[in-house]
PDB file of N, CA and C in Angstrom:
ATOM      1  N   UNK A   1       1.037  -0.965   0.024  1.00  0.00           N
ATOM      2  CA  UNK A   1      -0.102  -0.028  -0.125  1.00  0.00           C
ATOM      3  C   UNK A   1       0.907   1.174  -0.035  1.00  0.00           C
ATOM      4  N   UNK A   2       0.107   2.341  -0.144  1.00  0.00           N
ATOM      5  CA  UNK A   2       1.099   3.496  -0.277  1.00  0.00           C
ATOM      6  C   UNK A   2       1.034   4.464   1.215  1.00  0.00           C
ATOM      7  N   UNK A   3       2.365   4.187   1.679  1.00  0.00           N
ATOM      8  CA  UNK A   3       2.438   4.882   2.715  1.00  0.00           C
ATOM      9  C   UNK A   3       1.907   5.753   3.627  1.00  0.00           C
ATOM     10  N   UNK A   4       1.894   6.852   3.307  1.00  0.00           N
ATOM     11  CA  UNK A   4       1.369   7.884   3.815  1.00  0.00           C
ATOM     12  C   UNK A   4       0.091   7.504   3.594  1.00  0.00           C
ATOM     13  N   UNK A   5      -0.894   7.586   2.467  1.00  0.00           N
ATOM     14  CA  UNK A   5      -2.658   7.358   2.435  1.00  0.00           C
ATOM     15  C   UNK A   5      -2.686   6.263   3.683  1.00  0.00           C
ATOM     16  N   UNK A   6      -1.875   5.303   3.463  1.00  0.00           N
ATOM     17  CA  UNK A   6      -2.320   4.140   4.607  1.00  0.00           C
ATOM     18  C   UNK A   6      -2.187   4.853   5.897  1.00  0.00           C
ATOM     19  N   UNK A   7      -1.128   5.270   6.226  1.00  0.00           N
ATOM     20  CA  UNK A   7      -1.024   5.855   7.544  1.00  0.00           C
ATOM     21  C   UNK A   7      -2.127   6.333   7.963  1.00  0.00           C
ATOM     22  N   UNK A   8      -2.492   7.685   7.215  1.00  0.00           N
ATOM     23  CA  UNK A   8      -3.838   8.536   7.587  1.00  0.00           C
ATOM     24  C   UNK A   8      -5.014   7.847   7.353  1.00  0.00           C
ATOM     25  N   UNK A   9      -5.029   6.785   6.610  1.00  0.00           N
ATOM     26  CA  UNK A   9      -6.683   6.092   6.817  1.00  0.00           C
ATOM     27  C   UNK A   9      -6.834   5.501   7.762  1.00  0.00           C
ATOM     28  N   UNK A  10      -5.435   4.698   8.258  1.00  0.00           N
ATOM     29  CA  UNK A  10      -5.478   4.052   9.470  1.00  0.00           C
ATOM     30  C   UNK A  10      -6.192   4.849  10.713  1.00  0.00           C
ATOM     31  N   UNK A  11      -5.395   6.093  10.803  1.00  0.00           N
ATOM     32  CA  UNK A  11      -5.726   7.177  12.099  1.00  0.00           C
ATOM     33  C   UNK A  11      -6.994   7.028  11.846  1.00  0.00           C
ATOM     34  N   UNK A  12      -7.941   7.602  10.910  1.00  0.00           N
ATOM     35  CA  UNK A  12      -8.800   8.348  10.403  1.00  0.00           C
ATOM     36  C   UNK A  12     -10.064   6.708  10.897  1.00  0.00           C
ATOM     37  N   UNK A  13      -9.363   5.677  10.497  1.00  0.00           N
ATOM     38  CA  UNK A  13     -10.663   4.660  10.405  1.00  0.00           C
ATOM     39  C   UNK A  13     -10.441   4.367  12.169  1.00  0.00           C
ATOM     40  N   UNK A  14      -9.418   4.121  12.942  1.00  0.00           N
ATOM     41  CA  UNK A  14      -9.348   3.764  14.408  1.00  0.00           C
ATOM     42  C   UNK A  14     -10.310   5.013  15.086  1.00  0.00           C
ATOM     43  N   UNK A  15      -9.958   6.173  14.683  1.00  0.00           N
ATOM     44  CA  UNK A  15     -11.085   7.116  15.239  1.00  0.00           C
ATOM     45  C   UNK A  15     -12.750   6.846  14.964  1.00  0.00           C
ATOM     46  N   UNK A  16     -13.141   6.618  13.760  1.00  0.00           N
ATOM     47  CA  UNK A  16     -14.394   6.394  13.427  1.00  0.00           C
ATOM     48  C   UNK A  16     -14.958   5.216  13.842  1.00  0.00           C
ATOM     49  N   UNK A  17     -14.030   3.732  14.072  1.00  0.00           N
ATOM     50  CA  UNK A  17     -14.574   2.488  14.379  1.00  0.00           C
ATOM     51  C   UNK A  17     -15.077   2.275  15.626  1.00  0.00           C
ATOM     52  N   UNK A  18     -16.438   1.293  15.875  1.00  0.00           N
ATOM     53  CA  UNK A  18     -16.856   1.029  17.308  1.00  0.00           C
ATOM     54  C   UNK A  18     -15.608   0.130  17.758  1.00  0.00           C
ATOM     55  N   UNK A  19     -15.120  -0.630  17.095  1.00  0.00           N
ATOM     56  CA  UNK A  19     -13.845  -1.704  17.673  1.00  0.00           C
ATOM     57  C   UNK A  19     -13.112  -0.879  18.522  1.00  0.00           C
ATOM     58  N   UNK A  20     -12.414  -1.530  19.333  1.00  0.00           N
ATOM     59  CA  UNK A  20     -11.627  -0.740  20.380  1.00  0.00           C
ATOM     60  C   UNK A  20     -10.148  -1.462  19.776  1.00  0.00           C
ATOM     61  N   UNK A  21      -9.801  -0.667  18.568  1.00  0.00           N
ATOM     62  CA  UNK A  21      -8.633  -0.916  17.830  1.00  0.00           C
ATOM     63  C   UNK A  21      -7.752   0.228  18.058  1.00  0.00           C
ATOM     64  N   UNK A  22      -6.459  -0.186  17.885  1.00  0.00           N
ATOM     65  CA  UNK A  22      -5.204   0.977  17.439  1.00  0.00           C
ATOM     66  C   UNK A  22      -5.297   1.066  16.068  1.00  0.00           C
ATOM     67  N   UNK A  23      -4.735   2.148  15.216  1.00  0.00           N
ATOM     68  CA  UNK A  23      -4.240   2.259  14.078  1.00  0.00           C
ATOM     69  C   UNK A  23      -3.350   0.885  13.496  1.00  0.00           C
ATOM     70  N   UNK A  24      -2.488   0.567  14.158  1.00  0.00           N
ATOM     71  CA  UNK A  24      -1.740  -0.343  14.256  1.00  0.00           C
ATOM     72  C   UNK A  24      -2.287  -1.900  14.013  1.00  0.00           C
ATOM     73  N   UNK A  25      -3.435  -2.249  14.623  1.00  0.00           N
ATOM     74  CA  UNK A  25      -4.180  -3.532  14.741  1.00  0.00           C
ATOM     75  C   UNK A  25      -5.016  -3.283  13.949  1.00  0.00           C
ATOM     76  N   UNK A  26      -5.510  -2.320  12.862  1.00  0.00           N
ATOM     77  CA  UNK A  26      -6.373  -2.846  11.998  1.00  0.00           C
ATOM     78  C   UNK A  26      -6.109  -3.385  10.808  1.00  0.00           C
ATOM     79  N   UNK A  27      -6.875  -4.635  10.636  1.00  0.00           N
ATOM     80  CA  UNK A  27      -6.212  -5.910   9.395  1.00  0.00           C
ATOM     81  C   UNK A  27      -6.771  -4.652   8.329  1.00  0.00           C
ATOM     82  N   UNK A  28      -5.628  -4.841   7.303  1.00  0.00           N
ATOM     83  CA  UNK A  28      -6.143  -4.272   5.815  1.00  0.00           C
ATOM     84  C   UNK A  28      -6.804  -4.951   5.292  1.00  0.00           C
ATOM     85  N   UNK A  29      -6.754  -6.433   5.384  1.00  0.00           N
ATOM     86  CA  UNK A  29      -7.958  -7.224   4.243  1.00  0.00           C
ATOM     87  C   UNK A  29      -9.300  -7.621   4.815  1.00  0.00           C
ATOM     88  N   UNK A  30      -9.723  -6.960   5.994  1.00  0.00           N
ATOM     89  CA  UNK A  30     -11.263  -7.363   6.511  1.00  0.00           C
ATOM     90  C   UNK A  30     -12.261  -6.133   6.205  1.00  0.00           C
ATOM     91  N   UNK A  31     -13.469  -6.630   5.775  1.00  0.00           N
ATOM     92  CA  UNK A  31     -14.506  -5.671   5.282  1.00  0.00           C
ATOM     93  C   UNK A  31     -14.636  -4.638   6.566  1.00  0.00           C
ATOM     94  N   UNK A  32     -14.411  -3.575   6.033  1.00  0.00           N
ATOM     95  CA  UNK A  32     -14.967  -2.222   7.479  1.00  0.00           C
ATOM     96  C   UNK A  32     -16.013  -2.561   8.072  1.00  0.00           C
ATOM     97  N   UNK A  33     -16.912  -2.870   6.781  1.00  0.00           N
ATOM     98  CA  UNK A  33     -18.418  -2.427   7.843  1.00  0.00           C
ATOM     99  C   UNK A  33     -18.746  -3.664   9.196  1.00  0.00           C
ATOM    100  N   UNK A  34     -18.672  -5.056   8.495  1.00  0.00           N
ATOM    101  CA  UNK A  34     -18.956  -5.885   9.478  1.00  0.00           C
ATOM    102  C   UNK A  34     -17.751  -6.065  10.775  1.00  0.00           C
ATOM    103  N   UNK A  35     -16.494  -5.699  10.184  1.00  0.00           N
ATOM    104  CA  UNK A  35     -15.178  -6.231  10.996  1.00  0.00           C
ATOM    105  C   UNK A  35     -15.007  -5.017  12.144  1.00  0.00           C
ATOM    106  N   UNK A  36     -15.087  -3.587  11.478  1.00  0.00           N
ATOM    107  CA  UNK A  36     -15.060  -2.043  12.522  1.00  0.00           C
ATOM    108  C   UNK A  36     -16.373  -1.577  12.979  1.00  0.00           C
ATOM    109  N   UNK A  37     -17.726  -2.031  12.287  1.00  0.00           N
ATOM    110  CA  UNK A  37     -18.769  -1.552  12.643  1.00  0.00           C
ATOM    111  C   UNK A  37     -18.730   0.128  12.004  1.00  0.00           C
ATOM    112  N   UNK A  38     -18.026   0.101  11.050  1.00  0.00           N
ATOM    113  CA  UNK A  38     -17.870   1.368  10.283  1.00  0.00           C
ATOM    114  C   UNK A  38     -19.743   1.634   9.647  1.00  0.00           C
ATOM    115  N   UNK A  39     -20.245   2.762   9.694  1.00  0.00           N
ATOM    116  CA  UNK A  39     -21.714   2.762   9.203  1.00  0.00           C
ATOM    117  C   UNK A  39     -21.219   3.358   7.834  1.00  0.00           C
ATOM    118  N   UNK A  40     -22.736   3.481   7.322  1.00  0.00           N
ATOM    119  CA  UNK A  40     -22.174   4.342   5.661  1.00  0.00           C
ATOM    120  C   UNK A  40     -21.826   5.464   5.890  1.00  0.00           C
ATOM    121  N   UNK A  41     -22.295   6.398   6.734  1.00  0.00           N
ATOM    122  CA  UNK A  41     -22.050   7.745   6.823  1.00  0.00           C
ATOM    123  C   UNK A  41     -20.650   7.576   7.209  1.00  0.00           C
ATOM    124  N   UNK A  42     -20.145   7.104   8.213  1.00  0.00           N
ATOM    125  CA  UNK A  42     -18.936   7.037   8.419  1.00  0.00           C
ATOM    126  C   UNK A  42     -17.952   6.514   7.294  1.00  0.00           C
ATOM    127  N   UNK A  43     -18.345   5.505   6.760  1.00  0.00           N
ATOM    128  CA  UNK A  43     -17.388   5.019   5.568  1.00  0.00           C
ATOM    129  C   UNK A  43     -17.421   6.226   4.304  1.00  0.00           C
ATOM    130  N   UNK A  44     -18.320   7.280   4.524  1.00  0.00           N
ATOM    131  CA  UNK A  44     -18.325   8.102   3.474  1.00  0.00           C
ATOM    132  C   UNK A  44     -17.165   9.271   4.109  1.00  0.00           C
ATOM    133  N   UNK A  45     -17.215  10.090   5.211  1.00  0.00           N
ATOM    134  CA  UNK A  45     -16.696  10.514   6.270  1.00  0.00           C
ATOM    135  C   UNK A  45     -15.079  10.048   5.888  1.00  0.00           C
ATOM    136  N   UNK A  46     -14.860   9.007   6.048  1.00  0.00           N
ATOM    137  CA  UNK A  46     -13.645   8.235   5.871  1.00  0.00           C
ATOM    138  C   UNK A  46     -12.857   8.494   4.380  1.00  0.00           C
ATOM    139  N   UNK A  47     -13.950   7.877   3.546  1.00  0.00           N
ATOM    140  CA  UNK A  47     -13.213   8.238   1.947  1.00  0.00           C
ATOM    141  C   UNK A  47     -13.123   9.924   2.187  1.00  0.00           C
ATOM    142  N   UNK A  48     -14.334  10.585   2.196  1.00  0.00           N
ATOM    143  CA  UNK A  48     -13.688  12.149   1.984  1.00  0.00           C
ATOM    144  C   UNK A  48     -12.663  12.709   2.582  1.00  0.00           C
ATOM    145  N   UNK A  49     -12.214  12.101   4.219  1.00  0.00           N
ATOM    146  CA  UNK A  49     -10.962  12.682   4.168  1.00  0.00           C
ATOM    147  C   UNK A  49      -9.624  12.683   3.665  1.00  0.00           C
ATOM    148  N   UNK A  50      -9.827  11.313   3.627  1.00  0.00           N
ATOM    149  CA  UNK A  50      -8.676  10.178   2.630  1.00  0.00           C
ATOM    150  C   UNK A  50      -8.203  10.891   1.500  1.00  0.00           C
ATOM    151  N   UNK A  51      -9.203  11.094   0.531  1.00  0.00           N
ATOM    152  CA  UNK A  51      -9.448  11.741  -0.805  1.00  0.00           C
ATOM    153  C   UNK A  51      -8.840  13.355  -0.532  1.00  0.00           C
ATOM    154  N   UNK A  52      -9.052  14.017   0.380  1.00  0.00           N
ATOM    155  CA  UNK A  52      -9.118  15.399   0.285  1.00  0.00           C
ATOM    156  C   UNK A  52      -7.323  15.350   1.013  1.00  0.00           C
ATOM    157  N   UNK A  53      -6.986  14.883   1.765  1.00  0.00           N
ATOM    158  CA  UNK A  53      -5.376  14.164   2.407  1.00  0.00           C
ATOM    159  C   UNK A  53      -4.785  13.898   1.081  1.00  0.00           C
ATOM    160  N   UNK A  54      -5.534  13.103   0.240  1.00  0.00           N
ATOM    161  CA  UNK A  54      -4.406  12.891  -1.047  1.00  0.00           C
ATOM    162  C   UNK A  54      -4.366  13.844  -1.961  1.00  0.00           C
ATOM    163  N   UNK A  55      -5.083  14.952  -2.043  1.00  0.00           N
ATOM    164  CA  UNK A  55      -5.343  15.559  -2.878  1.00  0.00           C
ATOM    165  C   UNK A  55      -6.278  15.191  -4.409  1.00  0.00           C
ATOM    166  N   UNK A  56      -7.330  13.912  -3.871  1.00  0.00           N
ATOM    167  CA  UNK A  56      -7.799  13.570  -4.741  1.00  0.00           C
ATOM    168  C   UNK A  56      -9.355  14.068  -4.916  1.00  0.00           C
ATOM    169  N   UNK A  57      -9.659  14.436  -6.159  1.00  0.00           N
ATOM    170  CA  UNK A  57     -11.182  14.825  -6.399  1.00  0.00           C
ATOM    171  C   UNK A  57     -12.025  13.723  -6.445  1.00  0.00           C
ATOM    172  N   UNK A  58     -12.954  13.776  -5.717  1.00  0.00           N
ATOM    173  CA  UNK A  58     -14.059  12.591  -5.529  1.00  0.00           C
ATOM    174  C   UNK A  58     -14.874  12.340  -6.827  1.00  0.00           C
ATOM    175  N   UNK A  59     -14.913  13.172  -7.255  1.00  0.00           N
ATOM    176  CA  UNK A  59     -15.574  13.028  -8.716  1.00  0.00           C
ATOM    177  C   UNK A  59     -15.046  12.273  -9.321  1.00  0.00           C
ATOM    178  N   UNK A  60     -13.519  12.106  -9.409  1.00  0.00           N
ATOM    179  CA  UNK A  60     -12.770  11.101 -10.030  1.00  0.00           C
ATOM    180  C   UNK A  60     -13.418   9.384  -9.838  1.00  0.00           C
ATOM    181  N   UNK A  61     -13.445   9.353  -8.545  1.00  0.00           N
ATOM    182  CA  UNK A  61     -13.899   7.899  -8.310  1.00  0.00           C
ATOM    183  C   UNK A  61     -15.357   7.458  -9.304  1.00  0.00           C
ATOM    184  N   UNK A  62     -15.023   6.152  -9.692  1.00  0.00           N
ATOM    185  CA  UNK A  62     -15.982   5.635 -10.539  1.00  0.00           C
ATOM    186  C   UNK A  62     -16.663   4.676  -9.566  1.00  0.00           C
ATOM    187  N   UNK A  63     -18.224   4.513 -10.087  1.00  0.00           N
ATOM    188  CA  UNK A  63     -18.819   3.646  -9.210  1.00  0.00           C
ATOM    189  C   UNK A  63     -18.573   2.017  -8.577  1.00  0.00           C
ATOM    190  N   UNK A  64     -17.817   2.215  -9.982  1.00  0.00           N
ATOM    191  CA  UNK A  64     -16.939   0.548  -9.565  1.00  0.00           C
ATOM    192  C   UNK A  64     -16.068   0.576  -8.438  1.00  0.00           C
ATOM    193  N   UNK A  65     -15.078   1.971  -8.258  1.00  0.00           N
ATOM    194  CA  UNK A  65     -14.429   1.905  -7.560  1.00  0.00           C
ATOM    195  C   UNK A  65     -15.351   2.293  -6.153  1.00  0.00           C
ATOM    196  N   UNK A  66     -16.133   2.683  -6.232  1.00  0.00           N
ATOM    197  CA  UNK A  66     -16.573   2.990  -4.566  1.00  0.00           C
ATOM    198  C   UNK A  66     -17.430   1.489  -4.467  1.00  0.00           C
ATOM    199  N   UNK A  67     -17.815   1.099  -5.327  1.00  0.00           N
ATOM    200  CA  UNK A  67     -18.255  -0.464  -4.898  1.00  0.00           C
ATOM    201  C   UNK A  67     -17.332  -1.512  -4.619  1.00  0.00           C
ATOM    202  N   UNK A  68     -16.306  -1.298  -5.051  1.00  0.00           N
ATOM    203  CA  UNK A  68     -14.824  -1.938  -4.616  1.00  0.00           C
ATOM    204  C   UNK A  68     -14.375  -1.972  -3.161  1.00  0.00           C
ATOM    205  N   UNK A  69     -14.185  -0.437  -2.836  1.00  0.00           N
ATOM    206  CA  UNK A  69     -13.605  -0.105  -1.536  1.00  0.00           C
ATOM    207  C   UNK A  69     -14.343  -0.844  -0.173  1.00  0.00           C
ATOM    208  N   UNK A  70     -14.214  -1.839   0.062  1.00  0.00           N
ATOM    209  CA  UNK A  70     -14.466  -2.546   0.910  1.00  0.00           C
ATOM    210  C   UNK A  70     -13.433  -2.694   2.410  1.00  0.00           C
ATOM    211  N   UNK A  71     -11.853  -2.904   1.919  1.00  0.00           N
ATOM    212  CA  UNK A  71     -11.420  -3.106   3.190  1.00  0.00           C
ATOM    213  C   UNK A  71     -10.657  -1.998   2.861  1.00  0.00           C
ATOM    214  N   UNK A  72      -9.463  -1.741   3.926  1.00  0.00           N
ATOM    215  CA  UNK A  72      -8.849  -0.419   4.031  1.00  0.00           C
ATOM    216  C   UNK A  72      -7.569  -0.676   2.797  1.00  0.00           C
ATOM    217  N   UNK A  73      -7.499  -1.939   2.584  1.00  0.00           N
ATOM    218  CA  UNK A  73      -6.045  -1.993   1.407  1.00  0.00           C
ATOM    219  C   UNK A  73      -6.867  -1.314  -0.129  1.00  0.00           C
ATOM    220  N   UNK A  74      -7.922  -1.862  -0.086  1.00  0.00           N
ATOM    221  CA  UNK A  74      -9.048  -1.569  -0.890  1.00  0.00           C
ATOM    222  C   UNK A  74      -8.982  -0.147  -1.379  1.00  0.00           C
ATOM    223  N   UNK A  75      -9.301   0.545   0.012  1.00  0.00           N
ATOM    224  CA  UNK A  75      -9.691   2.110  -0.455  1.00  0.00           C
ATOM    225  C   UNK A  75      -8.491   2.581  -0.567  1.00  0.00           C
ATOM    226  N   UNK A  76      -7.195   2.546   0.238  1.00  0.00           N
ATOM    227  CA  UNK A  76      -5.880   3.041  -0.228  1.00  0.00           C
ATOM    228  C   UNK A  76      -5.470   3.158  -1.715  1.00  0.00           C
ATOM    229  N   UNK A  77      -5.383   1.654  -1.910  1.00  0.00           N
ATOM    230  CA  UNK A  77      -5.027   1.424  -3.385  1.00  0.00           C
ATOM    231  C   UNK A  77      -5.907   1.922  -4.521  1.00  0.00           C
ATOM    232  N   UNK A  78      -7.232   2.475  -4.134  1.00  0.00           N
ATOM    233  CA  UNK A  78      -8.327   2.856  -5.261  1.00  0.00           C
ATOM    234  C   UNK A  78      -7.780   4.423  -5.087  1.00  0.00           C
ATOM    235  N   UNK A  79      -7.664   5.360  -3.678  1.00  0.00           N
ATOM    236  CA  UNK A  79      -7.686   6.531  -3.897  1.00  0.00           C
ATOM    237  C   UNK A  79      -5.977   6.727  -4.334  1.00  0.00           C
ATOM    238  N   UNK A  80      -4.851   5.868  -3.984  1.00  0.00           N
ATOM    239  CA  UNK A  80      -3.742   6.154  -4.641  1.00  0.00           C
ATOM    240  C   UNK A  80      -3.467   6.249  -6.256  1.00  0.00           C
ATOM    241  N   UNK A  81      -4.384   5.759  -6.746  1.00  0.00           N
ATOM    242  CA  UNK A  81      -4.407   5.786  -8.213  1.00  0.00           C
ATOM    243  C   UNK A  81      -4.865   6.833  -8.949  1.00  0.00           C
ATOM    244  N   UNK A  82      -5.349   7.723  -8.243  1.00  0.00           N
ATOM    245  CA  UNK A  82      -6.120   9.321  -8.666  1.00  0.00           C
ATOM    246  C   UNK A  82      -5.079  10.249  -7.983  1.00  0.00           C
ATOM    247  N   UNK A  83      -4.456   9.922  -7.500  1.00  0.00           N
ATOM    248  CA  UNK A  83      -2.913  11.150  -6.714  1.00  0.00           C
ATOM    249  C   UNK A  83      -2.495  11.915  -7.865  1.00  0.00           C
ATOM    250  N   UNK A  84      -2.927  12.879  -8.026  1.00  0.00           N
ATOM    251  CA  UNK A  84      -2.001  14.035  -9.155  1.00  0.00           C
ATOM    252  C   UNK A  84      -0.613  13.527  -9.195  1.00  0.00           C
ATOM    253  N   UNK A  85      -0.228  13.713 -10.522  1.00  0.00           N
ATOM    254  CA  UNK A  85       1.100  13.773 -10.659  1.00  0.00           C
ATOM    255  C   UNK A  85       1.854  15.022  -9.876  1.00  0.00           C
ATOM    256  N   UNK A  86       2.865  14.702  -9.295  1.00  0.00           N
ATOM    257  CA  UNK A  86       3.714  15.630  -8.422  1.00  0.00           C
ATOM    258  C   UNK A  86       3.088  15.846  -6.878  1.00  0.00           C
ATOM    259  N   UNK A  87       1.703  14.629  -6.732  1.00  0.00           N
ATOM    260  CA  UNK A  87       1.101  14.641  -5.558  1.00  0.00           C
ATOM    261  C   UNK A  87       1.905  14.290  -4.327  1.00  0.00           C
ATOM    262  N   UNK A  88       1.813  14.628  -2.884  1.00  0.00           N
ATOM    263  CA  UNK A  88       2.439  14.010  -2.020  1.00  0.00           C
ATOM    264  C   UNK A  88       2.157  12.717  -1.325  1.00  0.00           C
ATOM    265  N   UNK A  89       1.156  12.301  -1.887  1.00  0.00           N
ATOM    266  CA  UNK A  89       1.035  11.014  -1.414  1.00  0.00           C
ATOM    267  C   UNK A  89       1.476   9.518  -1.955  1.00  0.00           C
TER     268      UNK A  89
END
């Protein structure tokens, strides 16, 4: 995964989850909703903040992208594909 985006996403996810986990304890390959109790609204908040931090315009994400982002790894990898050339993420 992309280190800067992953680190930020882990910290935000740990703050939003109902599970008692630290950013380092988050499994990047489990479904965010059943595993960490993420609500639909919290998932939108997470994705919005990750995109903003990475400099990615949310309108670039396709319906297929959104449907695939079930895990931390999938979210990070998807957002990283859209980081602008010369971006810091």
